[in-house]
Structures are given as C-alpha cells and as structure tokens.
Amino acid sequence: PDPPEGFAYLPRNLMKAWLAVMGIFLTGAVIATV
C-alpha cells in the first residue's frame, strides 16, 4: 500500500505490517481449507 497522507511512521514499518498481513491471510487460508 501507498503511505496515506500524513503518515507518521517510516515506510519500512508499513512494509513490515503489509508482510504481516500477507502472512496472516495466507496462514488463515491454509488453515481454513486444507
């Protein structure tokens, strides 16, 4: 995601959160299906 207007944190913090979101979603998808 692009940093929103007035983003107070460093872009790498946004990247860490985005990677966590991807990990949580993929883990949840595997848990729910297989």
Full PDB file with SEQRES, HELIX, SHEET, SSBOND, CRYST1, ORIGX, SCALE, CONECT and MASTER records, all heavy atoms in Angstrom:
SEQRES   1 A   34  PRO ASP PRO PRO GLU GLY PHE ALA TYR LEU PRO ARG ASN          
SEQRES   2 A   34  LEU MET LYS ALA TRP LEU ALA VAL MET GLY ILE PHE LEU          
SEQRES   3 A   34  THR GLY ALA VAL ILE ALA THR VAL                              
HELIX    1 AA1 PRO A   11  THR A   33  1                                  23    
CRYST1    1.000    1.000    1.000  90.00  90.00  90.00 P 1           1          
ORIGX1      1.000000  0.000000  0.000000        0.00000                         
ORIGX2      0.000000  1.000000  0.000000        0.00000                         
ORIGX3      0.000000  0.000000  1.000000        0.00000                         
SCALE1      1.000000  0.000000  0.000000        0.00000                         
SCALE2      0.000000  1.000000  0.000000        0.00000                         
SCALE3      0.000000  0.000000  1.000000        0.00000                         
ATOM      1  N   PRO A   1       0.834  -1.209   0.000  1.00  0.00           N  
ATOM      2  CA  PRO A   1       0.000   0.000   0.000  1.00  0.00           C  
ATOM      3  C   PRO A   1       0.867   1.257   0.000  1.00  0.00           C  
ATOM      4  O   PRO A   1       1.990   1.270   0.498  1.00  0.00           O  
ATOM      5  CB  PRO A   1      -0.799  -0.119   1.298  1.00  0.00           C  
ATOM      6  CG  PRO A   1       0.029  -0.981   2.173  1.00  0.00           C  
ATOM      7  CD  PRO A   1       0.769  -1.915   1.267  1.00  0.00           C  
ATOM      8  N   ASP A   2       0.327   2.300  -0.583  1.00  0.00           N  
ATOM      9  CA  ASP A   2       0.994   3.600  -0.539  1.00  0.00           C  
ATOM     10  C   ASP A   2       0.742   4.220   0.829  1.00  0.00           C  
ATOM     11  O   ASP A   2      -0.345   4.084   1.386  1.00  0.00           O  
ATOM     12  CB  ASP A   2       0.444   4.523  -1.630  1.00  0.00           C  
ATOM     13  CG  ASP A   2       0.737   3.990  -3.019  1.00  0.00           C  
ATOM     14  OD1 ASP A   2       1.805   3.382  -3.196  1.00  0.00           O  
ATOM     15  OD2 ASP A   2      -0.105   4.181  -3.912  1.00  0.00           O  
ATOM     16  N   PRO A   3       1.741   4.904   1.376  1.00  0.00           N  
ATOM     17  CA  PRO A   3       1.515   5.554   2.674  1.00  0.00           C  
ATOM     18  C   PRO A   3       0.425   6.619   2.555  1.00  0.00           C  
ATOM     19  O   PRO A   3       0.426   7.417   1.616  1.00  0.00           O  
ATOM     20  CB  PRO A   3       2.860   6.195   3.016  1.00  0.00           C  
ATOM     21  CG  PRO A   3       3.850   5.562   2.107  1.00  0.00           C  
ATOM     22  CD  PRO A   3       3.101   5.076   0.915  1.00  0.00           C  
ATOM     23  N   PRO A   4      -0.536   6.633   3.466  1.00  0.00           N  
ATOM     24  CA  PRO A   4      -1.574   7.666   3.410  1.00  0.00           C  
ATOM     25  C   PRO A   4      -1.013   9.045   3.746  1.00  0.00           C  
ATOM     26  O   PRO A   4       0.105   9.172   4.237  1.00  0.00           O  
ATOM     27  CB  PRO A   4      -2.595   7.207   4.443  1.00  0.00           C  
ATOM     28  CG  PRO A   4      -1.902   6.214   5.286  1.00  0.00           C  
ATOM     29  CD  PRO A   4      -0.741   5.686   4.523  1.00  0.00           C  
ATOM     30  N   GLU A   5      -1.806  10.055   3.486  1.00  0.00           N  
ATOM     31  CA  GLU A   5      -1.400  11.437   3.774  1.00  0.00           C  
ATOM     32  C   GLU A   5      -1.146  11.600   5.271  1.00  0.00           C  
ATOM     33  O   GLU A   5      -1.912  11.111   6.095  1.00  0.00           O  
ATOM     34  CB  GLU A   5      -2.513  12.399   3.346  1.00  0.00           C  
ATOM     35  CG  GLU A   5      -2.834  12.343   1.891  1.00  0.00           C  
ATOM     36  CD  GLU A   5      -2.207  13.484   1.147  1.00  0.00           C  
ATOM     37  OE1 GLU A   5      -1.860  14.486   1.771  1.00  0.00           O  
ATOM     38  OE2 GLU A   5      -2.053  13.354  -0.076  1.00  0.00           O  
ATOM     39  N   GLY A   6      -0.067  12.240   5.611  1.00  0.00           N  
ATOM     40  CA  GLY A   6       0.263  12.479   6.997  1.00  0.00           C  
ATOM     41  C   GLY A   6       0.719  11.231   7.729  1.00  0.00           C  
ATOM     42  O   GLY A   6       0.539  11.120   8.940  1.00  0.00           O  
ATOM     43  N   PHE A   7       1.308  10.298   7.013  1.00  0.00           N  
ATOM     44  CA  PHE A   7       1.768   9.047   7.620  1.00  0.00           C  
ATOM     45  C   PHE A   7       2.939   9.351   8.538  1.00  0.00           C  
ATOM     46  O   PHE A   7       3.954   9.891   8.109  1.00  0.00           O  
ATOM     47  CB  PHE A   7       2.165   8.055   6.522  1.00  0.00           C  
ATOM     48  CG  PHE A   7       2.462   6.684   7.018  1.00  0.00           C  
ATOM     49  CD1 PHE A   7       1.475   5.894   7.559  1.00  0.00           C  
ATOM     50  CD2 PHE A   7       3.749   6.165   6.933  1.00  0.00           C  
ATOM     51  CE1 PHE A   7       1.735   4.616   8.011  1.00  0.00           C  
ATOM     52  CE2 PHE A   7       4.024   4.897   7.385  1.00  0.00           C  
ATOM     53  CZ  PHE A   7       3.017   4.126   7.915  1.00  0.00           C  
ATOM     54  N   ALA A   8       2.803   9.036   9.818  1.00  0.00           N  
ATOM     55  CA  ALA A   8       3.776   9.460  10.829  1.00  0.00           C  
ATOM     56  C   ALA A   8       4.919   8.472  11.021  1.00  0.00           C  
ATOM     57  O   ALA A   8       5.876   8.780  11.711  1.00  0.00           O  
ATOM     58  CB  ALA A   8       3.073   9.677  12.162  1.00  0.00           C  
ATOM     59  N   TYR A   9       4.821   7.281  10.426  1.00  0.00           N  
ATOM     60  CA  TYR A   9       5.841   6.261  10.641  1.00  0.00           C  
ATOM     61  C   TYR A   9       6.721   6.113   9.413  1.00  0.00           C  
ATOM     62  O   TYR A   9       6.421   6.630   8.345  1.00  0.00           O  
ATOM     63  CB  TYR A   9       5.191   4.922  10.994  1.00  0.00           C  
ATOM     64  CG  TYR A   9       4.366   4.981  12.241  1.00  0.00           C  
ATOM     65  CD1 TYR A   9       2.990   5.040  12.180  1.00  0.00           C  
ATOM     66  CD2 TYR A   9       4.969   5.008  13.493  1.00  0.00           C  
ATOM     67  CE1 TYR A   9       2.231   5.106  13.326  1.00  0.00           C  
ATOM     68  CE2 TYR A   9       4.218   5.072  14.643  1.00  0.00           C  
ATOM     69  CZ  TYR A   9       2.855   5.120  14.555  1.00  0.00           C  
ATOM     70  OH  TYR A   9       2.108   5.192  15.690  1.00  0.00           O  
ATOM     71  N   LEU A  10       7.805   5.398   9.571  1.00  0.00           N  
ATOM     72  CA  LEU A  10       8.705   5.148   8.456  1.00  0.00           C  
ATOM     73  C   LEU A  10       8.067   4.176   7.472  1.00  0.00           C  
ATOM     74  O   LEU A  10       7.283   3.315   7.856  1.00  0.00           O  
ATOM     75  CB  LEU A  10      10.024   4.568   8.975  1.00  0.00           C  
ATOM     76  CG  LEU A  10      10.838   5.486   9.881  1.00  0.00           C  
ATOM     77  CD1 LEU A  10      12.030   4.723  10.448  1.00  0.00           C  
ATOM     78  CD2 LEU A  10      11.300   6.702   9.116  1.00  0.00           C  
ATOM     79  N   PRO A  11       8.411   4.285   6.176  1.00  0.00           N  
ATOM     80  CA  PRO A  11       7.843   3.354   5.193  1.00  0.00           C  
ATOM     81  C   PRO A  11       8.180   1.893   5.488  1.00  0.00           C  
ATOM     82  O   PRO A  11       7.417   1.001   5.140  1.00  0.00           O  
ATOM     83  CB  PRO A  11       8.470   3.804   3.875  1.00  0.00           C  
ATOM     84  CG  PRO A  11       8.838   5.227   4.081  1.00  0.00           C  
ATOM     85  CD  PRO A  11       9.178   5.348   5.540  1.00  0.00           C  
ATOM     86  N   ARG A  12       9.315   1.621   6.129  1.00  0.00           N  
ATOM     87  CA  ARG A  12       9.639   0.217   6.416  1.00  0.00           C  
ATOM     88  C   ARG A  12       8.681  -0.376   7.441  1.00  0.00           C  
ATOM     89  O   ARG A  12       8.428  -1.569   7.438  1.00  0.00           O  
ATOM     90  CB  ARG A  12      11.085   0.069   6.855  1.00  0.00           C  
ATOM     91  CG  ARG A  12      11.382   0.549   8.238  1.00  0.00           C  
ATOM     92  CD  ARG A  12      12.805   0.160   8.643  1.00  0.00           C  
ATOM     93  NE  ARG A  12      13.095   0.739   9.918  1.00  0.00           N  
ATOM     94  CZ  ARG A  12      13.916   1.754  10.118  1.00  0.00           C  
ATOM     95  NH1 ARG A  12      14.557   2.280   9.113  1.00  0.00           N  
ATOM     96  NH2 ARG A  12      14.110   2.238  11.315  1.00  0.00           N  
ATOM     97  N   ASN A  13       8.120   0.466   8.329  1.00  0.00           N  
ATOM     98  CA  ASN A  13       7.111  -0.028   9.267  1.00  0.00           C  
ATOM     99  C   ASN A  13       5.837  -0.427   8.531  1.00  0.00           C  
ATOM    100  O   ASN A  13       5.186  -1.396   8.894  1.00  0.00           O  
ATOM    101  CB  ASN A  13       6.792   1.022  10.325  1.00  0.00           C  
ATOM    102  CG  ASN A  13       7.954   1.254  11.263  1.00  0.00           C  
ATOM    103  OD1 ASN A  13       8.839   0.420  11.378  1.00  0.00           O  
ATOM    104  ND2 ASN A  13       7.957   2.398  11.916  1.00  0.00           N  
ATOM    105  N   LEU A  14       5.508   0.336   7.484  1.00  0.00           N  
ATOM    106  CA  LEU A  14       4.357  -0.018   6.655  1.00  0.00           C  
ATOM    107  C   LEU A  14       4.616  -1.331   5.923  1.00  0.00           C  
ATOM    108  O   LEU A  14       3.731  -2.178   5.811  1.00  0.00           O  
ATOM    109  CB  LEU A  14       4.066   1.103   5.662  1.00  0.00           C  
ATOM    110  CG  LEU A  14       2.848   0.928   4.770  1.00  0.00           C  
ATOM    111  CD1 LEU A  14       1.582   0.906   5.610  1.00  0.00           C  
ATOM    112  CD2 LEU A  14       2.785   2.026   3.741  1.00  0.00           C  
ATOM    113  N   MET A  15       5.838  -1.531   5.456  1.00  0.00           N  
ATOM    114  CA  MET A  15       6.185  -2.772   4.756  1.00  0.00           C  
ATOM    115  C   MET A  15       6.132  -3.975   5.714  1.00  0.00           C  
ATOM    116  O   MET A  15       5.679  -5.053   5.339  1.00  0.00           O  
ATOM    117  CB  MET A  15       7.574  -2.682   4.130  1.00  0.00           C  
ATOM    118  CG  MET A  15       7.660  -1.777   2.946  1.00  0.00           C  
ATOM    119  SD  MET A  15       6.578  -2.355   1.638  1.00  0.00           S  
ATOM    120  CE  MET A  15       5.799  -0.846   1.191  1.00  0.00           C  
ATOM    121  N   LYS A  16       6.594  -3.794   6.944  1.00  0.00           N  
ATOM    122  CA  LYS A  16       6.514  -4.877   7.928  1.00  0.00           C  
ATOM    123  C   LYS A  16       5.060  -5.249   8.204  1.00  0.00           C  
ATOM    124  O   LYS A  16       4.717  -6.432   8.284  1.00  0.00           O  
ATOM    125  CB  LYS A  16       7.181  -4.458   9.240  1.00  0.00           C  
ATOM    126  CG  LYS A  16       8.678  -4.465   9.212  1.00  0.00           C  
ATOM    127  CD  LYS A  16       9.205  -4.052  10.584  1.00  0.00           C  
ATOM    128  CE  LYS A  16      10.689  -3.894  10.592  1.00  0.00           C  
ATOM    129  NZ  LYS A  16      11.185  -3.444  11.906  1.00  0.00           N  
ATOM    130  N   ALA A  17       4.216  -4.239   8.336  1.00  0.00           N  
ATOM    131  CA  ALA A  17       2.801  -4.507   8.582  1.00  0.00           C  
ATOM    132  C   ALA A  17       2.165  -5.190   7.375  1.00  0.00           C  
ATOM    133  O   ALA A  17       1.354  -6.113   7.533  1.00  0.00           O  
ATOM    134  CB  ALA A  17       2.069  -3.207   8.895  1.00  0.00           C  
ATOM    135  N   TRP A  18       2.535  -4.776   6.166  1.00  0.00           N  
ATOM    136  CA  TRP A  18       1.994  -5.394   4.959  1.00  0.00           C  
ATOM    137  C   TRP A  18       2.429  -6.855   4.854  1.00  0.00           C  
ATOM    138  O   TRP A  18       1.622  -7.721   4.497  1.00  0.00           O  
ATOM    139  CB  TRP A  18       2.434  -4.595   3.741  1.00  0.00           C  
ATOM    140  CG  TRP A  18       2.099  -5.217   2.443  1.00  0.00           C  
ATOM    141  CD1 TRP A  18       0.850  -5.489   1.957  1.00  0.00           C  
ATOM    142  CD2 TRP A  18       3.020  -5.672   1.461  1.00  0.00           C  
ATOM    143  NE1 TRP A  18       0.958  -6.081   0.724  1.00  0.00           N  
ATOM    144  CE2 TRP A  18       2.278  -6.200   0.396  1.00  0.00           C  
ATOM    145  CE3 TRP A  18       4.407  -5.665   1.372  1.00  0.00           C  
ATOM    146  CZ2 TRP A  18       2.875  -6.725  -0.737  1.00  0.00           C  
ATOM    147  CZ3 TRP A  18       4.996  -6.180   0.242  1.00  0.00           C  
ATOM    148  CH2 TRP A  18       4.234  -6.704  -0.792  1.00  0.00           C  
ATOM    149  N   LEU A  19       3.685  -7.146   5.181  1.00  0.00           N  
ATOM    150  CA  LEU A  19       4.147  -8.537   5.171  1.00  0.00           C  
ATOM    151  C   LEU A  19       3.420  -9.367   6.232  1.00  0.00           C  
ATOM    152  O   LEU A  19       3.106 -10.538   6.004  1.00  0.00           O  
ATOM    153  CB  LEU A  19       5.656  -8.596   5.389  1.00  0.00           C  
ATOM    154  CG  LEU A  19       6.509  -8.118   4.214  1.00  0.00           C  
ATOM    155  CD1 LEU A  19       7.980  -8.056   4.612  1.00  0.00           C  
ATOM    156  CD2 LEU A  19       6.307  -8.983   2.998  1.00  0.00           C  
ATOM    157  N   ALA A  20       3.144  -8.768   7.375  1.00  0.00           N  
ATOM    158  CA  ALA A  20       2.389  -9.475   8.418  1.00  0.00           C  
ATOM    159  C   ALA A  20       0.969  -9.769   7.936  1.00  0.00           C  
ATOM    160  O   ALA A  20       0.440 -10.860   8.190  1.00  0.00           O  
ATOM    161  CB  ALA A  20       2.361  -8.651   9.696  1.00  0.00           C  
ATOM    162  N   VAL A  21       0.356  -8.823   7.240  1.00  0.00           N  
ATOM    163  CA  VAL A  21      -0.991  -9.026   6.706  1.00  0.00           C  
ATOM    164  C   VAL A  21      -1.000 -10.182   5.710  1.00  0.00           C  
ATOM    165  O   VAL A  21      -1.870 -11.052   5.752  1.00  0.00           O  
ATOM    166  CB  VAL A  21      -1.524  -7.729   6.048  1.00  0.00           C  
ATOM    167  CG1 VAL A  21      -2.718  -8.003   5.163  1.00  0.00           C  
ATOM    168  CG2 VAL A  21      -1.890  -6.719   7.107  1.00  0.00           C  
ATOM    169  N   MET A  22      -0.009 -10.209   4.826  1.00  0.00           N  
ATOM    170  CA  MET A  22       0.062 -11.306   3.856  1.00  0.00           C  
ATOM    171  C   MET A  22       0.264 -12.640   4.557  1.00  0.00           C  
ATOM    172  O   MET A  22      -0.365 -13.644   4.197  1.00  0.00           O  
ATOM    173  CB  MET A  22       1.189 -11.071   2.849  1.00  0.00           C  
ATOM    174  CG  MET A  22       0.861 -10.059   1.815  1.00  0.00           C  
ATOM    175  SD  MET A  22       1.972 -10.063   0.401  1.00  0.00           S  
ATOM    176  CE  MET A  22       3.564 -10.290   1.102  1.00  0.00           C  
ATOM    177  N   GLY A  23       1.133 -12.671   5.555  1.00  0.00           N  
ATOM    178  CA  GLY A  23       1.371 -13.908   6.290  1.00  0.00           C  
ATOM    179  C   GLY A  23       0.144 -14.394   7.024  1.00  0.00           C  
ATOM    180  O   GLY A  23      -0.164 -15.592   7.024  1.00  0.00           O  
ATOM    181  N   ILE A  24      -0.572 -13.477   7.659  1.00  0.00           N  
ATOM    182  CA  ILE A  24      -1.785 -13.856   8.392  1.00  0.00           C  
ATOM    183  C   ILE A  24      -2.843 -14.372   7.430  1.00  0.00           C  
ATOM    184  O   ILE A  24      -3.514 -15.377   7.690  1.00  0.00           O  
ATOM    185  CB  ILE A  24      -2.310 -12.668   9.221  1.00  0.00           C  
ATOM    186  CG1 ILE A  24      -1.356 -12.371  10.375  1.00  0.00           C  
ATOM    187  CG2 ILE A  24      -3.720 -12.936   9.750  1.00  0.00           C  
ATOM    188  CD1 ILE A  24      -1.661 -11.080  11.100  1.00  0.00           C  
ATOM    189  N   PHE A  25      -3.009 -13.695   6.281  1.00  0.00           N  
ATOM    190  CA  PHE A  25      -4.027 -14.145   5.340  1.00  0.00           C  
ATOM    191  C   PHE A  25      -3.691 -15.518   4.770  1.00  0.00           C  
ATOM    192  O   PHE A  25      -4.552 -16.401   4.707  1.00  0.00           O  
ATOM    193  CB  PHE A  25      -4.203 -13.149   4.192  1.00  0.00           C  
ATOM    194  CG  PHE A  25      -5.334 -13.525   3.280  1.00  0.00           C  
ATOM    195  CD1 PHE A  25      -6.612 -13.102   3.564  1.00  0.00           C  
ATOM    196  CD2 PHE A  25      -5.133 -14.328   2.174  1.00  0.00           C  
ATOM    197  CE1 PHE A  25      -7.678 -13.469   2.759  1.00  0.00           C  
ATOM    198  CE2 PHE A  25      -6.179 -14.708   1.360  1.00  0.00           C  
ATOM    199  CZ  PHE A  25      -7.455 -14.278   1.648  1.00  0.00           C  
ATOM    200  N   LEU A  26      -2.448 -15.703   4.342  1.00  0.00           N  
ATOM    201  CA  LEU A  26      -2.072 -16.985   3.745  1.00  0.00           C  
ATOM    202  C   LEU A  26      -2.148 -18.118   4.768  1.00  0.00           C  
ATOM    203  O   LEU A  26      -2.592 -19.227   4.445  1.00  0.00           O  
ATOM    204  CB  LEU A  26      -0.681 -16.892   3.134  1.00  0.00           C  
ATOM    205  CG  LEU A  26      -0.580 -15.972   1.906  1.00  0.00           C  
ATOM    206  CD1 LEU A  26       0.852 -15.859   1.446  1.00  0.00           C  
ATOM    207  CD2 LEU A  26      -1.470 -16.457   0.788  1.00  0.00           C  
ATOM    208  N   THR A  27      -1.746 -17.856   6.002  1.00  0.00           N  
ATOM    209  CA  THR A  27      -1.863 -18.863   7.051  1.00  0.00           C  
ATOM    210  C   THR A  27      -3.327 -19.193   7.322  1.00  0.00           C  
ATOM    211  O   THR A  27      -3.695 -20.373   7.450  1.00  0.00           O  
ATOM    212  CB  THR A  27      -1.184 -18.374   8.339  1.00  0.00           C  
ATOM    213  OG1 THR A  27       0.185 -18.091   8.060  1.00  0.00           O  
ATOM    214  CG2 THR A  27      -1.281 -19.406   9.442  1.00  0.00           C  
ATOM    215  N   GLY A  28      -4.162 -18.175   7.386  1.00  0.00           N  
ATOM    216  CA  GLY A  28      -5.593 -18.406   7.595  1.00  0.00           C  
ATOM    217  C   GLY A  28      -6.227 -19.178   6.450  1.00  0.00           C  
ATOM    218  O   GLY A  28      -7.087 -20.041   6.671  1.00  0.00           O  
ATOM    219  N   ALA A  29      -5.799 -18.890   5.218  1.00  0.00           N  
ATOM    220  CA  ALA A  29      -6.346 -19.607   4.066  1.00  0.00           C  
ATOM    221  C   ALA A  29      -5.958 -21.082   4.109  1.00  0.00           C  
ATOM    222  O   ALA A  29      -6.781 -21.961   3.833  1.00  0.00           O  
ATOM    223  CB  ALA A  29      -5.864 -18.964   2.770  1.00  0.00           C  
ATOM    224  N   VAL A  30      -4.715 -21.366   4.467  1.00  0.00           N  
ATOM    225  CA  VAL A  30      -4.273 -22.764   4.558  1.00  0.00           C  
ATOM    226  C   VAL A  30      -4.998 -23.467   5.700  1.00  0.00           C  
ATOM    227  O   VAL A  30      -5.466 -24.604   5.547  1.00  0.00           O  
ATOM    228  CB  VAL A  30      -2.740 -22.841   4.735  1.00  0.00           C  
ATOM    229  CG1 VAL A  30      -2.298 -24.231   5.121  1.00  0.00           C  
ATOM    230  CG2 VAL A  30      -2.041 -22.401   3.459  1.00  0.00           C  
ATOM    231  N   ILE A  31      -5.114 -22.807   6.836  1.00  0.00           N  
ATOM    232  CA  ILE A  31      -5.798 -23.411   7.988  1.00  0.00           C  
ATOM    233  C   ILE A  31      -7.261 -23.712   7.655  1.00  0.00           C  
ATOM    234  O   ILE A  31      -7.775 -24.773   7.990  1.00  0.00           O  
ATOM    235  CB  ILE A  31      -5.702 -22.485   9.215  1.00  0.00           C  
ATOM    236  CG1 ILE A  31      -4.286 -22.485   9.771  1.00  0.00           C  
ATOM    237  CG2 ILE A  31      -6.676 -22.902  10.299  1.00  0.00           C  
ATOM    238  CD1 ILE A  31      -4.074 -21.456  10.855  1.00  0.00           C  
ATOM    239  N   ALA A  32      -7.926 -22.784   6.981  1.00  0.00           N  
ATOM    240  CA  ALA A  32      -9.354 -22.947   6.715  1.00  0.00           C  
ATOM    241  C   ALA A  32      -9.645 -23.974   5.629  1.00  0.00           C  
ATOM    242  O   ALA A  32     -10.749 -24.524   5.586  1.00  0.00           O  
ATOM    243  CB  ALA A  32      -9.968 -21.609   6.329  1.00  0.00           C  
ATOM    244  N   THR A  33      -8.689 -24.258   4.757  1.00  0.00           N  
ATOM    245  CA  THR A  33      -9.017 -25.110   3.619  1.00  0.00           C  
ATOM    246  C   THR A  33      -8.406 -26.508   3.676  1.00  0.00           C  
ATOM    247  O   THR A  33      -9.081 -27.474   3.346  1.00  0.00           O  
ATOM    248  CB  THR A  33      -8.595 -24.434   2.305  1.00  0.00           C  
ATOM    249  OG1 THR A  33      -7.209 -24.106   2.354  1.00  0.00           O  
ATOM    250  CG2 THR A  33      -9.411 -23.185   2.052  1.00  0.00           C  
ATOM    251  N   VAL A  34      -7.157 -26.663   4.048  1.00  0.00           N  
ATOM    252  CA  VAL A  34      -6.515 -27.967   3.866  1.00  0.00           C  
ATOM    253  C   VAL A  34      -6.077 -28.676   5.148  1.00  0.00           C  
ATOM    254  O   VAL A  34      -5.488 -29.739   5.076  1.00  0.00           O  
ATOM    255  CB  VAL A  34      -5.298 -27.863   2.903  1.00  0.00           C  
ATOM    256  CG1 VAL A  34      -5.738 -27.427   1.539  1.00  0.00           C  
ATOM    257  CG2 VAL A  34      -4.238 -26.946   3.445  1.00  0.00           C  
TER     258      VAL A  34                                                      
MASTER        0    0    0    1    0    0    0    6  257    1    0    3          
END                                                                             
